[in-house]
Structures are given as structure tokens and as C-alpha cells.
Protein backbone atom coordinates (compact mmCIF):
# COMPACT_ATOMS: atom_id res chain seq x y z
CA MET A 1 96.06 82.94 116.34
CA LEU A 2 96.80 86.38 114.90
CA PHE A 3 94.77 87.07 111.78
CA ARG A 4 94.43 90.34 109.90
CA GLN A 5 92.41 91.02 106.76
CA LEU A 6 93.70 94.15 105.01
CA PHE A 7 92.04 95.92 102.07
CA ASP A 8 93.45 97.89 99.14
CA LYS A 9 90.78 100.31 97.91
CA ALA A 10 92.37 101.01 94.53
CA SER A 11 92.27 97.37 93.40
CA SER A 12 89.65 96.01 95.85
CA THR A 13 92.25 93.45 96.97
CA PHE A 14 92.25 91.58 100.26
CA THR A 15 95.65 90.80 101.80
CA TYR A 16 95.95 88.41 104.74
CA LEU A 17 98.49 88.40 107.56
CA ILE A 18 98.62 85.19 109.61
CA ALA A 19 100.66 84.03 112.61
CA SER A 20 100.04 81.60 115.44
CA ALA A 21 100.86 84.17 118.16
CA LYS A 22 102.74 87.38 118.94
CA GLY A 23 106.49 87.00 118.56
CA ARG A 24 106.15 84.11 116.14
CA GLU A 25 106.69 83.48 112.43
CA ALA A 26 104.14 85.03 110.04
CA LEU A 27 103.05 84.78 106.43
CA ILE A 28 101.24 87.16 104.11
CA ILE A 29 98.90 86.18 101.27
CA ASP A 30 98.35 88.36 98.17
CA PRO A 31 100.20 91.57 99.15
CA VAL A 32 99.84 94.78 97.12
CA LEU A 33 103.02 96.68 96.24
CA GLU A 34 101.76 100.09 97.36
CA ASN A 35 100.95 98.75 100.84
CA VAL A 36 104.25 97.06 101.67
CA GLU A 37 105.27 99.69 104.24
CA GLN A 38 101.88 99.25 105.96
CA TYR A 39 102.51 95.49 106.23
CA ILE A 40 106.00 96.02 107.63
CA LYS A 41 104.69 98.50 110.21
CA LEU A 42 102.02 96.01 111.31
CA LEU A 43 104.59 93.21 111.56
CA LYS A 44 106.72 95.36 113.86
CA GLU A 45 103.73 96.37 116.00
CA LEU A 46 102.72 92.73 116.45
CA ASP A 47 106.32 91.58 116.99
CA LEU A 48 106.15 89.13 114.07
CA LYS A 49 108.85 87.74 111.81
CA LEU A 50 107.68 87.47 108.20
CA VAL A 51 109.05 84.20 106.83
CA LYS A 52 106.81 83.49 103.81
CA VAL A 53 104.75 85.51 101.36
CA ILE A 54 102.27 83.85 98.98
CA ASP A 55 100.58 84.92 95.76
CA THR A 56 97.53 82.83 94.89
CA HIS A 57 97.98 83.59 91.17
CA ILE A 58 99.37 86.12 88.68
CA HIS A 59 97.29 89.21 89.41
CA ALA A 60 96.01 91.43 86.60
CA ASP A 61 94.63 94.33 88.66
CA HIS A 62 97.62 95.27 90.82
CA ILE A 63 101.37 94.75 91.07
CA SER A 64 102.19 92.20 93.73
CA GLY A 65 104.19 93.15 96.80
CA ILE A 66 105.97 89.79 97.12
CA ALA A 67 109.26 90.95 95.61
CA GLU A 68 109.37 94.12 97.71
CA LEU A 69 108.61 92.15 100.89
CA ARG A 70 111.28 89.61 99.93
CA ASP A 71 113.88 92.35 99.50
CA LYS A 72 112.93 94.21 102.69
CA THR A 73 112.42 91.26 105.08
CA ASN A 74 114.36 88.31 103.57
CA CYS A 75 111.14 86.26 103.52
CA VAL A 76 110.59 83.30 101.18
CA THR A 77 108.36 83.92 98.15
CA VAL A 78 105.86 81.12 97.48
CA MET A 79 103.56 80.28 94.56
CA GLY A 80 101.98 77.17 93.11
CA ASP A 81 104.13 75.02 90.85
CA LYS A 82 102.09 75.91 87.75
CA THR A 83 103.15 79.55 87.84
CA PRO A 84 104.55 81.04 84.59
CA ALA A 85 106.26 83.76 86.65
CA ASP A 86 110.01 83.88 86.72
CA VAL A 87 111.54 81.98 89.58
CA VAL A 88 110.05 82.25 93.05
CA ALA A 89 111.98 80.82 95.96
CA MET A 90 109.55 78.00 96.79
CA GLN A 91 106.96 76.33 94.58
CA VAL A 92 104.25 74.09 96.02
CA ALA A 93 102.24 71.35 94.34
CA ASP A 94 98.61 70.37 94.82
CA GLU A 95 97.98 69.04 98.37
CA GLU A 96 101.43 70.02 99.62
CA THR A 97 101.71 71.71 103.01
CA ILE A 98 103.20 75.13 103.74
CA LYS A 99 104.42 75.40 107.33
CA ILE A 100 105.27 78.30 109.56
CA ASP A 101 105.80 78.28 113.31
CA GLY A 102 102.65 76.65 114.72
CA LEU A 103 100.50 76.75 111.56
CA GLU A 104 100.03 74.76 108.37
CA LEU A 105 98.33 75.59 105.06
CA GLN A 106 97.43 73.02 102.42
CA ALA A 107 97.85 74.06 98.79
CA ILE A 108 94.89 73.29 96.52
CA TYR A 109 95.34 73.63 92.75
CA THR A 110 92.25 75.53 91.56
CA PRO A 111 92.75 76.61 87.93
CA GLY A 112 90.07 78.39 85.95
CA HIS A 113 90.44 82.08 86.65
CA THR A 114 94.04 81.62 85.53
CA ILE A 115 95.89 78.44 84.64
CA GLU A 116 98.18 78.67 87.72
CA SER A 117 95.63 79.63 90.40
CA PHE A 118 95.97 78.00 93.82
CA SER A 119 93.83 78.19 96.96
CA PHE A 120 95.18 77.60 100.46
CA LEU A 121 93.30 75.77 103.23
CA MET A 122 94.09 76.50 106.87
CA ASN A 123 91.96 74.68 109.45
CA ASP A 124 88.53 76.36 109.37
CA ARG A 125 89.19 78.73 106.47
CA VAL A 126 90.24 78.73 102.84
CA PHE A 127 91.97 81.52 100.95
CA THR A 128 90.51 81.19 97.46
CA GLY A 129 92.32 83.90 95.51
CA ASP A 130 90.04 84.67 92.56
CA ALA A 131 88.89 81.06 92.11
CA LEU A 132 85.80 81.58 94.27
CA LEU A 133 84.55 85.03 95.30
CA ILE A 134 81.73 86.06 97.61
CA ARG A 135 78.57 85.72 95.51
CA GLY A 136 80.70 85.43 92.40
CA THR A 137 83.57 83.59 90.72
CA GLY A 138 86.76 84.75 89.05
CA ARG A 139 86.41 85.61 85.37
CA THR A 140 87.89 83.09 82.94
CA ASP A 141 88.37 85.10 79.75
CA PHE A 142 92.09 85.98 79.91
CA GLN A 143 95.47 84.71 81.21
CA ASN A 144 94.73 81.17 79.99
CA GLY A 145 91.55 81.09 82.03
CA ASN A 146 89.11 78.27 81.35
CA ALA A 147 85.46 78.09 82.42
CA ARG A 148 85.40 74.29 82.59
CA ASP A 149 88.50 74.28 84.81
CA SER A 150 86.81 76.90 86.98
CA TYR A 151 83.72 74.69 87.36
CA ASN A 152 85.84 71.67 88.30
CA SER A 153 87.92 73.66 90.80
CA ILE A 154 84.84 75.08 92.50
CA PHE A 155 82.42 72.15 92.41
CA ASN A 156 84.87 69.26 92.72
CA LYS A 157 87.36 70.80 95.14
CA LEU A 158 86.29 73.92 97.04
CA LEU A 159 82.62 73.05 97.52
CA LYS A 160 83.67 69.62 98.82
CA LEU A 161 85.11 71.32 101.91
CA PRO A 162 82.98 71.30 105.09
CA ASP A 163 79.96 73.63 104.83
CA GLU A 164 81.13 75.79 107.74
CA THR A 165 84.55 76.50 106.14
CA LEU A 166 85.15 80.25 105.98
CA ILE A 167 85.91 81.70 102.54
CA TYR A 168 88.43 84.53 102.29
CA PRO A 169 88.85 85.67 98.65
CA ALA A 170 91.49 87.90 97.10
CA HIS A 171 88.91 90.50 96.01
CA ASP A 172 85.51 91.88 96.74
CA TYR A 173 83.76 94.76 94.99
CA LYS A 174 80.56 95.00 97.06
CA GLY A 175 81.79 95.46 100.62
CA GLU A 176 81.66 91.80 101.67
CA MET A 177 84.55 90.45 103.75
CA VAL A 178 83.98 86.75 104.41
CA SER A 179 81.57 83.98 103.50
CA THR A 180 81.20 80.23 104.03
CA ILE A 181 80.95 77.23 101.75
CA ILE A 182 77.28 76.67 102.63
CA GLU A 183 76.41 80.33 101.94
CA GLU A 184 78.00 80.22 98.50
CA LYS A 185 76.27 76.93 97.68
CA LYS A 186 72.93 78.54 98.49
CA PHE A 187 73.30 82.15 97.42
CA ASN A 188 76.09 82.52 94.84
CA PRO A 189 74.15 83.11 91.59
CA ARG A 190 76.87 81.58 89.39
CA LEU A 191 76.71 78.32 91.34
CA GLN A 192 72.97 77.78 90.88
CA VAL A 193 73.58 75.59 87.83
CA SER A 194 72.77 71.98 87.05
CA SER A 195 75.76 71.22 84.83
CA ALA A 196 79.24 72.31 83.83
CA ASP A 197 77.91 73.40 80.44
CA GLN A 198 75.42 75.75 82.07
CA TYR A 199 78.20 77.31 84.17
CA ILE A 200 80.43 77.63 81.08
CA GLU A 201 77.63 79.39 79.23
CA ILE A 202 77.36 81.98 82.03
CA MET A 203 81.12 82.57 82.20
CA ASN A 204 81.56 82.86 78.45
CA ASN A 205 78.95 85.61 78.23
CA LEU A 206 79.98 87.98 81.02
CA ASN A 207 81.45 90.52 78.55
CA LEU A 208 83.52 92.29 81.20
CA PRO A 209 86.07 95.03 80.38
CA ASN A 210 89.72 94.21 81.01
CA PRO A 211 91.15 95.38 84.36
CA SER A 212 92.56 98.89 83.99
CA MET A 213 95.97 97.80 85.32
CA MET A 214 96.17 94.62 83.25
CA ASP A 215 98.75 95.78 80.67
CA VAL A 216 101.08 96.90 83.47
CA ALA A 217 100.35 94.42 86.24
CA VAL A 218 100.62 91.12 84.36
CA PRO A 219 104.07 91.76 82.78
CA SER A 220 105.35 93.14 86.10
CA ASN A 221 104.03 90.18 88.08
CA LEU A 222 105.68 87.77 85.65
CA GLN A 223 109.08 89.28 86.47
CA LEU A 224 109.23 89.27 90.26
CA GLY A 225 111.72 86.46 90.59
CA ILE A 226 115.41 86.16 91.23
CA ASP A 227 118.20 88.20 89.70
CA PHE A 228 120.82 85.59 88.74
CA ASN A 229 123.43 88.31 88.28
CA ARG A 230 122.88 89.17 91.96
CA GLN A 231 123.52 85.52 92.81
CA LYS A 232 126.85 85.56 90.99
CA VAL A 233 128.24 88.60 92.79
CA ASN A 234 127.22 87.18 96.19
CA ASN A 235 129.81 84.38 96.16
CA GLY A 236 127.75 82.31 93.75
CA VAL A 237 129.31 79.09 92.47
CA GLU A 238 128.22 77.15 89.37
CA PRO A 239 127.18 73.50 89.90
CA GLU A 240 130.38 71.82 88.67
CA LYS A 241 132.59 73.95 90.92
CA PHE A 242 130.17 73.57 93.82
CA ASN A 243 130.29 69.78 93.39
CA GLU A 244 134.08 69.91 93.49
CA ILE A 245 134.54 72.04 96.60
CA LYS A 246 131.78 70.36 98.64
CA ASN A 247 134.00 67.28 99.02
CA ASP A 248 136.74 69.23 100.77
CA ALA A 249 137.15 68.28 104.46
CA GLN A 250 136.82 71.93 105.46
CA SER A 251 133.46 72.36 103.72
CA ILE A 252 130.08 72.15 105.41
CA LEU A 253 127.05 71.79 103.14
CA ILE A 254 123.80 73.42 104.27
CA ASP A 255 120.39 72.77 102.68
CA LEU A 256 118.08 75.72 103.39
CA ARG A 257 114.84 74.17 102.12
CA GLU A 258 111.70 72.94 103.87
CA GLN A 259 111.24 69.23 104.60
CA ASN A 260 108.46 68.82 102.04
CA GLU A 261 110.78 70.24 99.34
CA ILE A 262 113.45 67.71 100.36
CA ASP A 263 110.94 64.85 100.34
CA LYS A 264 109.83 65.82 96.85
CA ASP A 265 113.13 66.68 95.15
CA GLY A 266 115.83 64.92 97.18
CA MET A 267 119.00 66.49 98.54
CA ILE A 268 122.75 66.57 98.00
CA LYS A 269 124.61 63.90 99.99
CA ASN A 270 126.06 64.87 103.38
CA SER A 271 123.94 68.01 103.70
CA THR A 272 122.95 69.56 107.01
CA VAL A 273 119.35 70.80 106.89
CA VAL A 274 118.77 74.27 108.33
CA ARG A 275 115.46 75.88 107.31
CA PHE A 276 116.10 79.36 105.95
CA PRO A 277 114.03 81.08 108.68
CA GLU A 278 116.34 79.44 111.25
CA ILE A 279 119.66 80.37 109.63
CA ASN A 280 120.32 83.39 111.88
CA GLU A 281 119.96 81.30 115.02
CA TYR A 282 122.09 78.52 113.53
CA LEU A 283 124.95 80.86 112.64
CA GLN A 284 124.84 82.50 116.05
CA GLN A 285 124.84 79.21 117.96
CA ASN A 286 127.62 77.65 115.87
CA LYS A 287 130.08 80.52 115.59
CA ASN A 288 132.99 78.57 117.03
CA THR A 289 132.30 75.41 115.05
CA LEU A 290 131.92 77.23 111.74
CA LYS A 291 134.71 79.81 112.00
CA ASP A 292 137.30 77.64 110.25
CA LYS A 293 134.89 76.03 107.78
CA ARG A 294 133.95 76.79 104.21
CA ILE A 295 130.15 77.15 104.37
CA LEU A 296 128.26 76.06 101.25
CA PHE A 297 124.58 76.98 101.04
CA TYR A 298 121.96 75.76 98.59
CA CYS A 299 118.18 75.90 98.18
CA ALA A 300 115.63 75.30 95.40
CA HIS A 301 116.46 78.16 93.03
CA GLY A 302 119.27 80.16 94.62
CA HIS A 303 117.33 82.96 96.28
CA ARG A 304 117.47 81.76 99.89
CA SER A 305 121.11 80.77 99.52
CA THR A 306 122.01 84.22 98.17
CA LEU A 307 120.46 85.77 101.27
CA ALA A 308 122.17 83.23 103.53
CA VAL A 309 125.60 84.33 102.23
CA GLN A 310 124.69 87.96 102.96
CA LEU A 311 123.51 87.07 106.47
CA SER A 312 126.68 85.08 107.10
CA LYS A 313 128.81 88.10 106.34
CA SER A 314 127.05 89.98 109.14
CA TYR A 315 128.39 87.30 111.53
CA GLN A 316 131.92 87.79 110.11
CA PHE A 317 131.87 84.52 108.17
CA THR A 318 133.79 85.35 105.02
CA ASN A 319 134.38 81.86 103.61
CA CYS A 320 130.77 81.36 102.44
CA PHE A 321 129.48 80.36 99.01
CA HIS A 322 126.19 79.26 97.46
CA LEU A 323 124.89 77.27 94.52
CA ILE A 324 123.77 79.50 91.64
CA GLY A 325 120.31 78.48 90.46
CA GLY A 326 119.94 76.08 93.39
CA LEU A 327 118.97 72.45 93.14
CA LYS A 328 117.11 73.14 89.90
CA ASN A 329 120.41 74.10 88.24
CA TRP A 330 122.19 71.15 89.94
CA LYS A 331 119.67 68.70 88.44
CA LYS A 332 119.88 70.41 85.05
CA GLU A 333 123.61 69.64 85.01
CA GLY A 334 122.90 65.97 85.79
CA LEU A 335 124.73 65.96 89.13
CA ASP A 336 123.98 63.35 91.78
CA LEU A 337 121.48 63.54 94.62
């Protein structure tokens, strides 16, 4: 497995790059905007294709790099389904699995630091965001944080993982890089409590100053989603029209989502499933079959399908359209699945 832990000095943020092997699909967790070019350079050096980028929560101390990576690499943006951010391409629920080529991560809903915080478990390690830090825990005094939720997330979820599980947080301010569940049980001062009330008392009396970037970072990170005007100018079709033209004999309907999204939300009848990371290969291999077809793309929110139309044009497919707002908009209009 390829694994890189990168550090942003200005915000003391850890960013993680993961892939199963050279030449394979990769994902990045908690990227920082100012370091996007560094990530892209590393991806090229390691011959990796970035297919997903994850934010564990809405950060208050830096502007996330997920939107910039999305725009530069056509990767899929991922967050937990409790996020208040404007639309990301793929939202995951508690215990759902995120897959890339050869690797799987399990989403764990761990609110407390913020209401939408998620951790992500991959085999022998867990990426805890700010839910659990090395010899500390994420503050709970802003962004709908809650000390009791933090206690439950840590004691009833994260600390239930095997003792040898490696802990990789989103931040560290003391030069630490990695810990384990057993180390934090023994040595984390905030976890040496006998009750939730005792932990809440500690968290409610930290009296920490707000992060210096908070007034800039939080609003910016809430607006990293999809430009629906961009969807419209890229051959976007509203649900009613999309429903009409999909029944034409010359139309082929392509669902770009992951299997777990389909299992959870259903799909439009007569769809062909082609995961977005595989769309280039699909278009290349089916040039002759598709040349006389009207290609109709859809996904969860319209971001992946917008990109699919753009990619199709590079293969000289001009009769391509996509569903504005994705399946979310389709459901909103009460159309059938």
C-alpha cells in the first residue's frame, strides 16, 4: 500500500494520500487549499489517479482543498451525510463503505467537535479528523459542537476499536504524528475520566481562543459544492425533460454512482452502471456502439454527470446530456425509480 502523511505548518493540518499500489486509484483525506499543487505533483510522481477526496468535517482553521482538487483532477468529493456544506458529489452515512481500487474505508459518524464530523476506518488505522487527537480531543465549543456527543463518539465508537489500531488525526500541535487506541486510553489526559459528566466538565472549561482563520475558513468551506449554473451550460437537462428523452430508442442511460449509493437510493430504470472513475475507459472501449446514441448521464447531485459530459466531448461525442441536480433533483420532482 502507498501511504503518505503530509503536514501543513500554517494550520498544523495532516493530509493523507492513500492508494493500494503505484499506478492505481488514490484518495486524499483533509487536503489544504494552499498545498493542492504539492498533492498533484506527488500524484504524478507516484503514477496515481486521484478518484476521491474526503473532508472529515467542516474545518475552521484552513480552507479545504477539495474543490480545487475536484476542478483540477475530476475527482469525486466526499463528506459525511450530516454535512451542512453545499452539495458535495458523494455523501456517506454511518458504517457505509468508500471504495477505491483495492482498498475500502468504513465511515464512522463521530460528532462532537462539530455536528457533522466523521472518522474513517481502513484496516489497521483510523483517520479521526478532530474527533480524537493525539493526547487530546477536538474542542466542542463552536460549529454546533457538543461535549456529550464527543464523549459518546470517543468512548462508545473509537475506543471500541482494537487496541492496536493506529490513530491518524487531522491535526497535531506538539510534533506527534501517529498514536494507537491503547496509547490514548492510557495516556490521553482528557480520557482519564470516570463519567461523561466529568469529560463534559473538562471540555466546557477549556477557554480556548477561536482559530485565527475561523471567520474566513468556515464560510468558505460551506460553499465548496457544485455550481448549478455550470451544470446548465454543460448540456444539463431538467428532470421532466430528462424523463421524456430517456425513453427514446436512441438514448442510453448511464448511472455514474457507486454501488453503495445505488443500494441506498435506488436507480432509474434501464440504467447502465459505469462508475465515474471508469467513464474514460468505457467511452474509449464503446466508441462504435455509442457513436449514434444519445448518451444521458446522471449521478447523485449532478457534479459527476457534468464532468462526464465534458469528458465525452473529448471523445467527439456531441449528443450527450446530463440530469441537473442528479438523482436528488429527480426524487424532488417525484419521478419514478
